[in-house]
Amino acid sequence: MATKSLKKPSLEAVTTFAEGGNVRAIRGGHAPAGDVRLTINIKQELHRKLKIKAIEENTTVGRMVEAWIQTWK
């Protein structure tokens, strides 16, 4: 059975990924077209508060994050 290599990807591969090229092959294509998947680590209590806030505002955590980022200059 072949094992995956743990070596670091080349700068070219990282740049291609960051620019949106060959993304489907790297992450399996689970995000809708035009979107990318974002994974972060936050404290469990903050995550709970975030989910509750999203429910209270009848939105999603993703939409809340997008709205927050849109406020940046």
C-alpha atoms as a PDB file:
ATOM      1  CA  MET A   1       0.000   0.000   0.000  1.00  0.00           C
ATOM      2  CA  ALA A   2       1.387   3.405  -0.975  1.00  0.00           C
ATOM      3  CA  THR A   3       1.700   6.075   1.694  1.00  0.00           C
ATOM      4  CA  LYS A   4       1.347   9.804   1.190  1.00  0.00           C
ATOM      5  CA  SER A   5       4.481  11.906   1.274  1.00  0.00           C
ATOM      6  CA  LEU A   6       4.824  14.296   4.189  1.00  0.00           C
ATOM      7  CA  LYS A   7       7.256  16.609   2.404  1.00  0.00           C
ATOM      8  CA  LYS A   8       6.385  20.284   2.095  1.00  0.00           C
ATOM      9  CA  PRO A   9       4.696  21.308  -1.154  1.00  0.00           C
ATOM     10  CA  SER A  10       6.684  23.362  -3.630  1.00  0.00           C
ATOM     11  CA  LEU A  11       6.260  27.128  -3.757  1.00  0.00           C
ATOM     12  CA  GLU A  12       4.703  26.696  -7.195  1.00  0.00           C
ATOM     13  CA  ALA A  13       2.098  24.249  -5.839  1.00  0.00           C
ATOM     14  CA  VAL A  14       1.245  26.559  -2.924  1.00  0.00           C
ATOM     15  CA  THR A  15       0.960  29.589  -5.205  1.00  0.00           C
ATOM     16  CA  THR A  16      -1.265  27.698  -7.643  1.00  0.00           C
ATOM     17  CA  PHE A  17      -3.485  26.561  -4.752  1.00  0.00           C
ATOM     18  CA  ALA A  18      -3.659  30.091  -3.261  1.00  0.00           C
ATOM     19  CA  GLU A  19      -4.641  31.541  -6.626  1.00  0.00           C
ATOM     20  CA  GLY A  20      -7.466  29.028  -6.953  1.00  0.00           C
ATOM     21  CA  GLY A  21      -5.867  26.688  -9.442  1.00  0.00           C
ATOM     22  CA  ASN A  22      -6.284  22.926  -9.028  1.00  0.00           C
ATOM     23  CA  VAL A  23      -8.213  23.474  -5.801  1.00  0.00           C
ATOM     24  CA  ARG A  24     -10.652  20.630  -6.451  1.00  0.00           C
ATOM     25  CA  ALA A  25      -7.818  18.089  -6.570  1.00  0.00           C
ATOM     26  CA  ILE A  26      -6.369  19.352  -3.300  1.00  0.00           C
ATOM     27  CA  ARG A  27      -9.478  19.699  -1.118  1.00  0.00           C
ATOM     28  CA  GLY A  28     -12.005  17.458  -2.767  1.00  0.00           C
ATOM     29  CA  GLY A  29     -14.329  20.227  -3.980  1.00  0.00           C
ATOM     30  CA  HIS A  30     -16.763  20.327  -1.056  1.00  0.00           C
ATOM     31  CA  ALA A  31     -17.288  24.106  -1.125  1.00  0.00           C
ATOM     32  CA  PRO A  32     -19.739  25.636  -3.613  1.00  0.00           C
ATOM     33  CA  ALA A  33     -18.284  27.002  -6.855  1.00  0.00           C
ATOM     34  CA  GLY A  34     -16.539  30.322  -6.226  1.00  0.00           C
ATOM     35  CA  ASP A  35     -16.105  29.645  -2.498  1.00  0.00           C
ATOM     36  CA  VAL A  36     -13.253  28.179  -0.481  1.00  0.00           C
ATOM     37  CA  ARG A  37     -13.434  26.224   2.758  1.00  0.00           C
ATOM     38  CA  LEU A  38     -11.930  27.907   5.840  1.00  0.00           C
ATOM     39  CA  THR A  39     -10.875  25.946   8.913  1.00  0.00           C
ATOM     40  CA  ILE A  40      -9.952  27.666  12.160  1.00  0.00           C
ATOM     41  CA  ASN A  41      -9.409  26.689  15.784  1.00  0.00           C
ATOM     42  CA  ILE A  42     -11.263  28.672  18.429  1.00  0.00           C
ATOM     43  CA  LYS A  43     -12.204  28.037  22.042  1.00  0.00           C
ATOM     44  CA  GLN A  44     -15.273  25.832  22.456  1.00  0.00           C
ATOM     45  CA  GLU A  45     -17.183  28.506  24.394  1.00  0.00           C
ATOM     46  CA  LEU A  46     -16.525  31.110  21.654  1.00  0.00           C
ATOM     47  CA  HIS A  47     -17.754  28.662  19.034  1.00  0.00           C
ATOM     48  CA  ARG A  48     -20.946  28.113  21.008  1.00  0.00           C
ATOM     49  CA  LYS A  49     -21.497  31.888  21.305  1.00  0.00           C
ATOM     50  CA  LEU A  50     -20.881  32.339  17.585  1.00  0.00           C
ATOM     51  CA  LYS A  51     -23.414  29.650  16.657  1.00  0.00           C
ATOM     52  CA  ILE A  52     -26.019  31.126  19.026  1.00  0.00           C
ATOM     53  CA  LYS A  53     -25.459  34.613  17.562  1.00  0.00           C
ATOM     54  CA  ALA A  54     -25.906  33.251  14.038  1.00  0.00           C
ATOM     55  CA  ILE A  55     -29.185  31.600  15.041  1.00  0.00           C
ATOM     56  CA  GLU A  56     -30.402  34.792  16.738  1.00  0.00           C
ATOM     57  CA  GLU A  57     -29.650  36.775  13.571  1.00  0.00           C
ATOM     58  CA  ASN A  58     -31.138  34.101  11.283  1.00  0.00           C
ATOM     59  CA  THR A  59     -27.871  33.711   9.359  1.00  0.00           C
ATOM     60  CA  THR A  60     -24.885  31.396   9.155  1.00  0.00           C
ATOM     61  CA  VAL A  61     -21.477  31.579  10.764  1.00  0.00           C
ATOM     62  CA  GLY A  62     -19.984  31.781   7.272  1.00  0.00           C
ATOM     63  CA  ARG A  63     -22.095  34.796   6.359  1.00  0.00           C
ATOM     64  CA  MET A  64     -21.168  36.467   9.651  1.00  0.00           C
ATOM     65  CA  VAL A  65     -17.460  35.955   8.954  1.00  0.00           C
ATOM     66  CA  GLU A  66     -17.849  37.264   5.401  1.00  0.00           C
ATOM     67  CA  ALA A  67     -19.690  40.374   6.662  1.00  0.00           C
ATOM     68  CA  TRP A  68     -16.978  40.978   9.260  1.00  0.00           C
ATOM     69  CA  ILE A  69     -14.203  40.704   6.653  1.00  0.00           C
ATOM     70  CA  GLN A  70     -16.081  43.083   4.335  1.00  0.00           C
ATOM     71  CA  THR A  71     -15.703  45.802   7.019  1.00  0.00           C
ATOM     72  CA  TRP A  72     -11.897  45.717   6.676  1.00  0.00           C
ATOM     73  CA  LYS A  73     -10.263  48.554   4.761  1.00  0.00           C
END
